[in-house]
Amino acid sequence: MNEQQNIEERLWNFIDGTLPAQEKSVVEQLVATDAAWKAKYKELLEVSELLKTSELDSPSLRFTKNVMEAIAMTHVAPVTKKYLNNKIIWGIGFFFIALLVGFLIYGFAQMDFSGGKETTISKDLGKLDFSKFFSNTWVNVFMMINVVLGLFLLDNYLSNKRKEFRKA
């Protein structure tokens, strides 16, 4: 089948006159000596002549308008407001919030509060070694993704509140 397509492609290029001179002589020799090439050449030459002599029908003047009217008559499905279930969205949001709260609890558990009366939380936060938590690249990437997703969730929540406020 691939050889047949190659023959057709070379013959079309020969008929169109786009072959290089060296390949043109090879195709002329194949058409003169090989029966399959000669039959295919005659067939393609007839198709080429038919295409040159036939006149293509032009569309009516109202073609575009008719198409647009036909499209307007079809019922287009309205855009749905909810592609995802709200319970899934809230579940994902609660998961990320719980994850952030877990990080905070873990961080506060690592602090040393046994300093006496003069020790304050601000001094303890200064002594906290954050390199333990954020030294791994994957933890940093995970935290950035959580922050971005949390911001998307907040934006979605606030835009829904804004829409409800405008409706009221």
C-alpha atoms as a PDB file:
ATOM      1  CA  MET A   1       0.000   0.000   0.000  1.00  0.00           C
ATOM      2  CA  ASN A   2       2.844   2.358   0.823  1.00  0.00           C
ATOM      3  CA  GLU A   3       4.459   1.609  -2.542  1.00  0.00           C
ATOM      4  CA  GLN A   4       1.156   2.400  -4.288  1.00  0.00           C
ATOM      5  CA  GLN A   5       0.981   5.775  -2.517  1.00  0.00           C
ATOM      6  CA  ASN A   6       4.601   6.448  -3.457  1.00  0.00           C
ATOM      7  CA  ILE A   7       3.813   5.698  -7.119  1.00  0.00           C
ATOM      8  CA  GLU A   8       0.796   8.014  -7.048  1.00  0.00           C
ATOM      9  CA  GLU A   9       2.728  10.788  -5.344  1.00  0.00           C
ATOM     10  CA  ARG A  10       5.594  10.589  -7.820  1.00  0.00           C
ATOM     11  CA  LEU A  11       3.177  10.477 -10.774  1.00  0.00           C
ATOM     12  CA  TRP A  12       1.215  13.490  -9.492  1.00  0.00           C
ATOM     13  CA  ASN A  13       4.465  15.413  -9.131  1.00  0.00           C
ATOM     14  CA  PHE A  14       5.394  14.305 -12.661  1.00  0.00           C
ATOM     15  CA  ILE A  15       2.054  15.477 -14.057  1.00  0.00           C
ATOM     16  CA  ASP A  16       2.297  18.770 -12.168  1.00  0.00           C
ATOM     17  CA  GLY A  17       5.899  19.253 -13.374  1.00  0.00           C
ATOM     18  CA  THR A  18       7.404  19.589  -9.903  1.00  0.00           C
ATOM     19  CA  LEU A  19       9.896  16.703 -10.136  1.00  0.00           C
ATOM     20  CA  PRO A  20      13.647  17.352 -10.423  1.00  0.00           C
ATOM     21  CA  ALA A  21      15.128  16.605 -13.861  1.00  0.00           C
ATOM     22  CA  GLN A  22      16.906  13.411 -12.765  1.00  0.00           C
ATOM     23  CA  GLU A  23      13.781  11.924 -11.155  1.00  0.00           C
ATOM     24  CA  LYS A  24      11.655  13.084 -14.088  1.00  0.00           C
ATOM     25  CA  SER A  25      13.689  10.935 -16.475  1.00  0.00           C
ATOM     26  CA  VAL A  26      13.372   7.950 -14.110  1.00  0.00           C
ATOM     27  CA  VAL A  27       9.577   8.329 -13.966  1.00  0.00           C
ATOM     28  CA  GLU A  28       9.359   8.709 -17.783  1.00  0.00           C
ATOM     29  CA  GLN A  29      11.308   5.475 -18.180  1.00  0.00           C
ATOM     30  CA  LEU A  30       9.072   3.663 -15.625  1.00  0.00           C
ATOM     31  CA  VAL A  31       5.903   4.874 -17.396  1.00  0.00           C
ATOM     32  CA  ALA A  32       7.288   3.678 -20.740  1.00  0.00           C
ATOM     33  CA  THR A  33       8.413   0.232 -19.532  1.00  0.00           C
ATOM     34  CA  ASP A  34       6.228  -0.774 -16.551  1.00  0.00           C
ATOM     35  CA  ALA A  35       2.554  -1.637 -17.179  1.00  0.00           C
ATOM     36  CA  ALA A  36       1.422  -0.754 -13.641  1.00  0.00           C
ATOM     37  CA  TRP A  37       3.063   2.654 -13.831  1.00  0.00           C
ATOM     38  CA  LYS A  38       1.566   3.249 -17.320  1.00  0.00           C
ATOM     39  CA  ALA A  39      -1.966   2.332 -16.160  1.00  0.00           C
ATOM     40  CA  LYS A  40      -1.716   4.511 -13.073  1.00  0.00           C
ATOM     41  CA  TYR A  41      -0.288   7.380 -15.152  1.00  0.00           C
ATOM     42  CA  LYS A  42      -3.214   7.219 -17.610  1.00  0.00           C
ATOM     43  CA  GLU A  43      -5.702   7.122 -14.726  1.00  0.00           C
ATOM     44  CA  LEU A  44      -4.154  10.120 -12.987  1.00  0.00           C
ATOM     45  CA  LEU A  45      -3.803  12.018 -16.255  1.00  0.00           C
ATOM     46  CA  GLU A  46      -7.552  11.563 -16.902  1.00  0.00           C
ATOM     47  CA  VAL A  47      -8.334  12.827 -13.391  1.00  0.00           C
ATOM     48  CA  SER A  48      -6.060  15.820 -13.923  1.00  0.00           C
ATOM     49  CA  GLU A  49      -7.724  16.666 -17.258  1.00  0.00           C
ATOM     50  CA  LEU A  50     -11.175  16.257 -15.688  1.00  0.00           C
ATOM     51  CA  LEU A  51     -10.241  18.648 -12.892  1.00  0.00           C
ATOM     52  CA  LYS A  52      -8.929  21.210 -15.387  1.00  0.00           C
ATOM     53  CA  THR A  53     -12.008  21.079 -17.640  1.00  0.00           C
ATOM     54  CA  SER A  54     -14.772  20.856 -15.035  1.00  0.00           C
ATOM     55  CA  GLU A  55     -16.139  23.988 -13.451  1.00  0.00           C
ATOM     56  CA  LEU A  56     -16.749  23.930  -9.740  1.00  0.00           C
ATOM     57  CA  ASP A  57     -20.191  24.901  -8.508  1.00  0.00           C
ATOM     58  CA  SER A  58     -20.220  28.137  -6.606  1.00  0.00           C
ATOM     59  CA  PRO A  59     -22.418  28.388  -3.536  1.00  0.00           C
ATOM     60  CA  SER A  60     -25.533  30.493  -3.605  1.00  0.00           C
ATOM     61  CA  LEU A  61     -25.346  34.123  -2.587  1.00  0.00           C
ATOM     62  CA  ARG A  62     -27.296  33.373   0.581  1.00  0.00           C
ATOM     63  CA  PHE A  63     -25.162  30.392   1.550  1.00  0.00           C
ATOM     64  CA  THR A  64     -23.564  32.002   4.585  1.00  0.00           C
ATOM     65  CA  LYS A  65     -26.839  33.451   5.749  1.00  0.00           C
ATOM     66  CA  ASN A  66     -28.591  30.084   5.321  1.00  0.00           C
ATOM     67  CA  VAL A  67     -25.907  28.325   7.354  1.00  0.00           C
ATOM     68  CA  MET A  68     -26.069  30.936  10.108  1.00  0.00           C
ATOM     69  CA  GLU A  69     -29.881  30.678  10.238  1.00  0.00           C
ATOM     70  CA  ALA A  70     -29.653  26.888  10.481  1.00  0.00           C
ATOM     71  CA  ILE A  71     -27.194  27.195  13.344  1.00  0.00           C
ATOM     72  CA  ALA A  72     -29.425  29.719  15.101  1.00  0.00           C
ATOM     73  CA  MET A  73     -32.369  27.305  14.898  1.00  0.00           C
ATOM     74  CA  THR A  74     -30.508  24.520  16.683  1.00  0.00           C
ATOM     75  CA  HIS A  75     -30.863  24.323  20.434  1.00  0.00           C
ATOM     76  CA  VAL A  76     -27.539  24.949  22.101  1.00  0.00           C
ATOM     77  CA  ALA A  77     -27.223  23.420  25.536  1.00  0.00           C
ATOM     78  CA  PRO A  78     -26.934  26.087  28.210  1.00  0.00           C
ATOM     79  CA  VAL A  79     -23.721  26.397  30.119  1.00  0.00           C
ATOM     80  CA  THR A  80     -23.983  24.507  33.339  1.00  0.00           C
ATOM     81  CA  LYS A  81     -23.027  26.270  36.494  1.00  0.00           C
ATOM     82  CA  LYS A  82     -21.860  23.216  38.355  1.00  0.00           C
ATOM     83  CA  TYR A  83     -19.437  20.866  36.659  1.00  0.00           C
ATOM     84  CA  LEU A  84     -18.166  19.544  39.958  1.00  0.00           C
ATOM     85  CA  ASN A  85     -20.009  18.522  43.059  1.00  0.00           C
ATOM     86  CA  ASN A  86     -19.707  21.154  45.803  1.00  0.00           C
ATOM     87  CA  LYS A  87     -19.085  18.437  48.394  1.00  0.00           C
ATOM     88  CA  ILE A  88     -15.920  17.430  46.562  1.00  0.00           C
ATOM     89  CA  ILE A  89     -14.687  21.036  46.476  1.00  0.00           C
ATOM     90  CA  TRP A  90     -15.403  21.508  50.173  1.00  0.00           C
ATOM     91  CA  GLY A  91     -13.731  18.187  50.981  1.00  0.00           C
ATOM     92  CA  ILE A  92     -10.560  19.224  49.166  1.00  0.00           C
ATOM     93  CA  GLY A  93     -10.656  22.601  50.908  1.00  0.00           C
ATOM     94  CA  PHE A  94     -11.036  21.037  54.339  1.00  0.00           C
ATOM     95  CA  PHE A  95      -8.182  18.650  53.567  1.00  0.00           C
ATOM     96  CA  PHE A  96      -5.804  21.509  52.790  1.00  0.00           C
ATOM     97  CA  ILE A  97      -6.953  23.519  55.785  1.00  0.00           C
ATOM     98  CA  ALA A  98      -6.424  20.486  58.022  1.00  0.00           C
ATOM     99  CA  LEU A  99      -2.990  20.011  56.493  1.00  0.00           C
ATOM    100  CA  LEU A 100      -2.017  23.624  57.208  1.00  0.00           C
ATOM    101  CA  VAL A 101      -3.362  23.370  60.769  1.00  0.00           C
ATOM    102  CA  GLY A 102      -1.349  20.168  61.199  1.00  0.00           C
ATOM    103  CA  PHE A 103       1.822  21.994  60.120  1.00  0.00           C
ATOM    104  CA  LEU A 104       1.105  24.765  62.610  1.00  0.00           C
ATOM    105  CA  ILE A 105       0.478  22.304  65.458  1.00  0.00           C
ATOM    106  CA  TYR A 106       3.673  20.457  64.614  1.00  0.00           C
ATOM    107  CA  GLY A 107       5.598  23.735  64.555  1.00  0.00           C
ATOM    108  CA  PHE A 108       4.236  24.855  67.917  1.00  0.00           C
ATOM    109  CA  ALA A 109       4.990  21.420  69.380  1.00  0.00           C
ATOM    110  CA  GLN A 110       8.645  21.876  68.433  1.00  0.00           C
ATOM    111  CA  MET A 111       8.922  25.126  70.413  1.00  0.00           C
ATOM    112  CA  ASP A 112      10.365  25.159  73.909  1.00  0.00           C
ATOM    113  CA  PHE A 113       8.045  26.984  76.328  1.00  0.00           C
ATOM    114  CA  SER A 114       9.985  26.148  79.533  1.00  0.00           C
ATOM    115  CA  GLY A 115      11.917  29.402  79.738  1.00  0.00           C
ATOM    116  CA  GLY A 116      10.351  30.986  82.832  1.00  0.00           C
ATOM    117  CA  LYS A 117       8.368  34.200  83.262  1.00  0.00           C
ATOM    118  CA  GLU A 118      10.509  36.471  81.055  1.00  0.00           C
ATOM    119  CA  THR A 119      10.312  34.133  78.055  1.00  0.00           C
ATOM    120  CA  THR A 120       7.668  35.171  75.535  1.00  0.00           C
ATOM    121  CA  ILE A 121       6.339  33.548  72.441  1.00  0.00           C
ATOM    122  CA  SER A 122       8.075  36.081  70.193  1.00  0.00           C
ATOM    123  CA  LYS A 123      11.465  35.051  71.610  1.00  0.00           C
ATOM    124  CA  ASP A 124      10.573  31.383  71.115  1.00  0.00           C
ATOM    125  CA  LEU A 125       9.574  32.028  67.527  1.00  0.00           C
ATOM    126  CA  GLY A 126      12.959  33.641  66.979  1.00  0.00           C
ATOM    127  CA  LYS A 127      14.674  30.529  68.340  1.00  0.00           C
ATOM    128  CA  LEU A 128      12.603  28.181  66.151  1.00  0.00           C
ATOM    129  CA  ASP A 129      14.748  26.528  63.516  1.00  0.00           C
ATOM    130  CA  PHE A 130      12.653  26.515  60.333  1.00  0.00           C
ATOM    131  CA  SER A 131      15.357  24.700  58.399  1.00  0.00           C
ATOM    132  CA  LYS A 132      14.107  21.467  59.974  1.00  0.00           C
ATOM    133  CA  PHE A 133      10.750  21.952  58.298  1.00  0.00           C
ATOM    134  CA  PHE A 134      11.579  23.487  54.956  1.00  0.00           C
ATOM    135  CA  SER A 135      14.955  22.044  53.996  1.00  0.00           C
ATOM    136  CA  ASN A 136      13.448  19.527  51.590  1.00  0.00           C
ATOM    137  CA  THR A 137      12.570  20.717  48.076  1.00  0.00           C
ATOM    138  CA  TRP A 138       9.482  18.533  47.919  1.00  0.00           C
ATOM    139  CA  VAL A 139       8.106  20.041  51.128  1.00  0.00           C
ATOM    140  CA  ASN A 140       8.593  23.520  49.662  1.00  0.00           C
ATOM    141  CA  VAL A 141       6.853  22.559  46.422  1.00  0.00           C
ATOM    142  CA  PHE A 142       4.022  20.929  48.350  1.00  0.00           C
ATOM    143  CA  MET A 143       3.567  24.024  50.516  1.00  0.00           C
ATOM    144  CA  MET A 144       3.528  26.328  47.475  1.00  0.00           C
ATOM    145  CA  ILE A 145       0.890  24.179  45.814  1.00  0.00           C
ATOM    146  CA  ASN A 146      -1.154  24.255  49.025  1.00  0.00           C
ATOM    147  CA  VAL A 147      -0.928  28.033  49.215  1.00  0.00           C
ATOM    148  CA  VAL A 148      -1.954  28.464  45.563  1.00  0.00           C
ATOM    149  CA  LEU A 149      -4.863  26.046  45.922  1.00  0.00           C
ATOM    150  CA  GLY A 150      -5.914  27.763  49.142  1.00  0.00           C
ATOM    151  CA  LEU A 151      -5.914  31.111  47.336  1.00  0.00           C
ATOM    152  CA  PHE A 152      -8.037  29.620  44.538  1.00  0.00           C
ATOM    153  CA  LEU A 153     -10.480  28.302  47.127  1.00  0.00           C
ATOM    154  CA  LEU A 154     -10.624  31.692  48.843  1.00  0.00           C
ATOM    155  CA  ASP A 155     -11.159  33.442  45.498  1.00  0.00           C
ATOM    156  CA  ASN A 156     -13.955  31.034  44.589  1.00  0.00           C
ATOM    157  CA  TYR A 157     -15.605  31.539  47.963  1.00  0.00           C
ATOM    158  CA  LEU A 158     -15.374  35.332  47.778  1.00  0.00           C
ATOM    159  CA  SER A 159     -16.618  35.492  44.176  1.00  0.00           C
ATOM    160  CA  ASN A 160     -19.631  33.346  45.116  1.00  0.00           C
ATOM    161  CA  LYS A 161     -20.348  35.679  48.039  1.00  0.00           C
ATOM    162  CA  ARG A 162     -20.035  38.690  45.708  1.00  0.00           C
ATOM    163  CA  LYS A 163     -22.487  37.115  43.234  1.00  0.00           C
ATOM    164  CA  GLU A 164     -24.967  36.385  46.032  1.00  0.00           C
ATOM    165  CA  PHE A 165     -24.627  39.963  47.278  1.00  0.00           C
ATOM    166  CA  ARG A 166     -25.304  41.382  43.783  1.00  0.00           C
ATOM    167  CA  LYS A 167     -28.400  39.197  43.376  1.00  0.00           C
ATOM    168  CA  ALA A 168     -29.860  40.430  46.672  1.00  0.00           C
END
